[in-house]
């Protein structure tokens, strides 16, 4: 029996901890940048949003891919808050205008993304059937 499994398991958990720490640092930087631009409320919201996205990806990217494939609409909907925080970087744009623009863009972009992914999956399925 090979005893290297324990070593590799510990390296894997260390790698996961490093990825999670990096995700937390990145989310903190995004949150602190938003705090400087828009205040502590938006900074905390940005930290929570990016911490959730980066943290889940750092813990298990394979689960993220599986969930993304099973929940196409929810996955595509993450573009709306991402767009909202991106628009908040524009200093002259009020937060409510950024929210309205992100929602309006989401109404157009989310169905397009879902339709495109479904077409891609249908094309991939037809190639494996033939």
Protein backbone atom coordinates (compact mmCIF):
# COMPACT_ATOMS: atom_id res chain seq x y z
CA UNK A 1 0.00 0.00 0.00
CA UNK A 2 1.27 3.43 -0.93
CA UNK A 3 1.43 5.99 1.89
CA UNK A 4 1.74 9.00 -0.42
CA UNK A 5 -2.04 9.56 -0.35
CA UNK A 6 -1.79 11.31 3.01
CA UNK A 7 0.93 13.62 1.72
CA UNK A 8 -1.02 14.49 -1.41
CA UNK A 9 -4.19 14.98 0.59
CA UNK A 10 -2.44 17.47 2.88
CA UNK A 11 -0.94 19.32 -0.10
CA UNK A 12 -4.43 19.51 -1.64
CA UNK A 13 -5.94 20.99 1.51
CA UNK A 14 -3.03 23.44 1.77
CA UNK A 15 -3.60 24.44 -1.85
CA UNK A 16 -7.29 24.96 -1.15
CA UNK A 17 -6.46 27.09 1.89
CA UNK A 18 -4.06 29.20 -0.18
CA UNK A 19 -6.69 29.64 -2.92
CA UNK A 20 -9.29 30.59 -0.31
CA UNK A 21 -6.91 33.09 1.30
CA UNK A 22 -6.17 34.59 -2.11
CA UNK A 23 -9.89 34.83 -2.86
CA UNK A 24 -10.47 36.56 0.48
CA UNK A 25 -7.64 39.02 -0.14
CA UNK A 26 -8.94 39.77 -3.64
CA UNK A 27 -12.48 40.30 -2.33
CA UNK A 28 -11.13 42.56 0.42
CA UNK A 29 -9.25 44.63 -2.15
CA UNK A 30 -12.39 44.94 -4.28
CA UNK A 31 -14.41 45.91 -1.21
CA UNK A 32 -11.88 48.45 0.01
CA UNK A 33 -11.67 50.00 -3.44
CA UNK A 34 -15.45 50.31 -3.56
CA UNK A 35 -15.42 51.77 -0.02
CA UNK A 36 -13.05 54.51 -1.18
CA UNK A 37 -15.23 55.26 -4.22
CA UNK A 38 -18.76 54.85 -2.83
CA UNK A 39 -18.64 54.43 0.94
CA UNK A 40 -18.77 51.58 3.42
CA UNK A 41 -22.20 50.18 2.46
CA UNK A 42 -21.22 49.55 -1.16
CA UNK A 43 -17.78 48.41 -0.02
CA UNK A 44 -19.34 45.77 2.20
CA UNK A 45 -21.71 44.69 -0.57
CA UNK A 46 -18.81 44.41 -3.03
CA UNK A 47 -16.78 42.39 -0.51
CA UNK A 48 -19.73 40.03 0.08
CA UNK A 49 -20.45 39.57 -3.64
CA UNK A 50 -16.85 39.04 -4.75
CA UNK A 51 -16.04 37.01 -1.64
CA UNK A 52 -18.92 34.68 -2.45
CA UNK A 53 -17.96 34.32 -6.10
CA UNK A 54 -14.20 33.96 -5.57
CA UNK A 55 -14.57 31.86 -2.40
CA UNK A 56 -16.87 29.28 -3.94
CA UNK A 57 -14.59 29.03 -6.96
CA UNK A 58 -11.55 28.60 -4.72
CA UNK A 59 -13.14 25.80 -2.70
CA UNK A 60 -14.35 23.62 -5.58
CA UNK A 61 -14.19 24.73 -9.20
CA UNK A 62 -15.59 21.40 -10.40
CA UNK A 63 -18.75 21.93 -8.33
CA UNK A 64 -19.04 25.46 -9.73
CA UNK A 65 -18.86 24.09 -13.29
CA UNK A 66 -21.46 21.42 -12.51
CA UNK A 67 -23.79 23.92 -10.85
CA UNK A 68 -23.31 26.34 -13.73
CA UNK A 69 -24.30 23.69 -16.26
CA UNK A 70 -27.38 22.70 -14.25
CA UNK A 71 -28.55 26.26 -13.48
CA UNK A 72 -27.94 28.27 -16.63
CA UNK A 73 -30.32 31.13 -15.84
CA UNK A 74 -29.03 31.64 -12.29
CA UNK A 75 -25.45 31.42 -13.53
CA UNK A 76 -26.07 34.00 -16.26
CA UNK A 77 -27.84 36.26 -13.75
CA UNK A 78 -24.58 36.83 -11.86
CA UNK A 79 -23.67 39.27 -14.61
CA UNK A 80 -26.19 41.80 -13.25
CA UNK A 81 -24.53 42.49 -9.87
CA UNK A 82 -21.12 42.25 -11.54
CA UNK A 83 -22.18 44.93 -14.02
CA UNK A 84 -23.64 47.00 -11.18
CA UNK A 85 -20.33 47.06 -9.30
CA UNK A 86 -18.44 47.78 -12.51
CA UNK A 87 -20.72 50.75 -13.21
CA UNK A 88 -20.23 52.06 -9.66
CA UNK A 89 -16.62 52.77 -10.59
CA UNK A 90 -17.88 55.68 -12.72
CA UNK A 91 -17.87 58.53 -10.16
CA UNK A 92 -20.53 60.76 -11.76
CA UNK A 93 -23.06 57.93 -12.12
CA UNK A 94 -25.50 57.71 -9.17
CA UNK A 95 -25.88 54.26 -7.60
CA UNK A 96 -29.54 54.03 -8.60
CA UNK A 97 -28.66 54.75 -12.24
CA UNK A 98 -26.01 52.02 -12.12
CA UNK A 99 -28.63 49.63 -10.74
CA UNK A 100 -31.13 50.53 -13.48
CA UNK A 101 -28.54 50.17 -16.24
CA UNK A 102 -27.36 46.81 -14.86
CA UNK A 103 -30.95 45.54 -14.63
CA UNK A 104 -31.81 46.73 -18.13
CA UNK A 105 -28.66 45.18 -19.54
CA UNK A 106 -29.45 41.97 -17.65
CA UNK A 107 -32.87 41.78 -19.27
CA UNK A 108 -31.12 41.70 -22.65
CA UNK A 109 -27.90 39.83 -21.85
CA UNK A 110 -29.17 37.00 -19.60
CA UNK A 111 -31.61 35.47 -22.14
CA UNK A 112 -28.96 35.79 -24.86
CA UNK A 113 -26.38 33.98 -22.71
CA UNK A 114 -28.83 31.21 -21.80
CA UNK A 115 -29.91 30.73 -25.42
CA UNK A 116 -26.30 30.60 -26.57
CA UNK A 117 -25.30 28.03 -23.93
CA UNK A 118 -28.31 25.84 -24.72
CA UNK A 119 -27.48 25.96 -28.43
CA UNK A 120 -23.87 25.06 -27.67
CA UNK A 121 -24.97 22.12 -25.48
CA UNK A 122 -27.41 20.94 -28.15
CA UNK A 123 -24.67 21.12 -30.79
CA UNK A 124 -22.25 19.19 -28.58
CA UNK A 125 -24.91 16.55 -27.87
CA UNK A 126 -25.69 16.11 -31.58
CA UNK A 127 -21.99 15.61 -32.36
CA UNK A 128 -21.68 12.83 -29.78
CA UNK A 129 -24.86 11.12 -31.06
CA UNK A 130 -23.66 10.99 -34.69
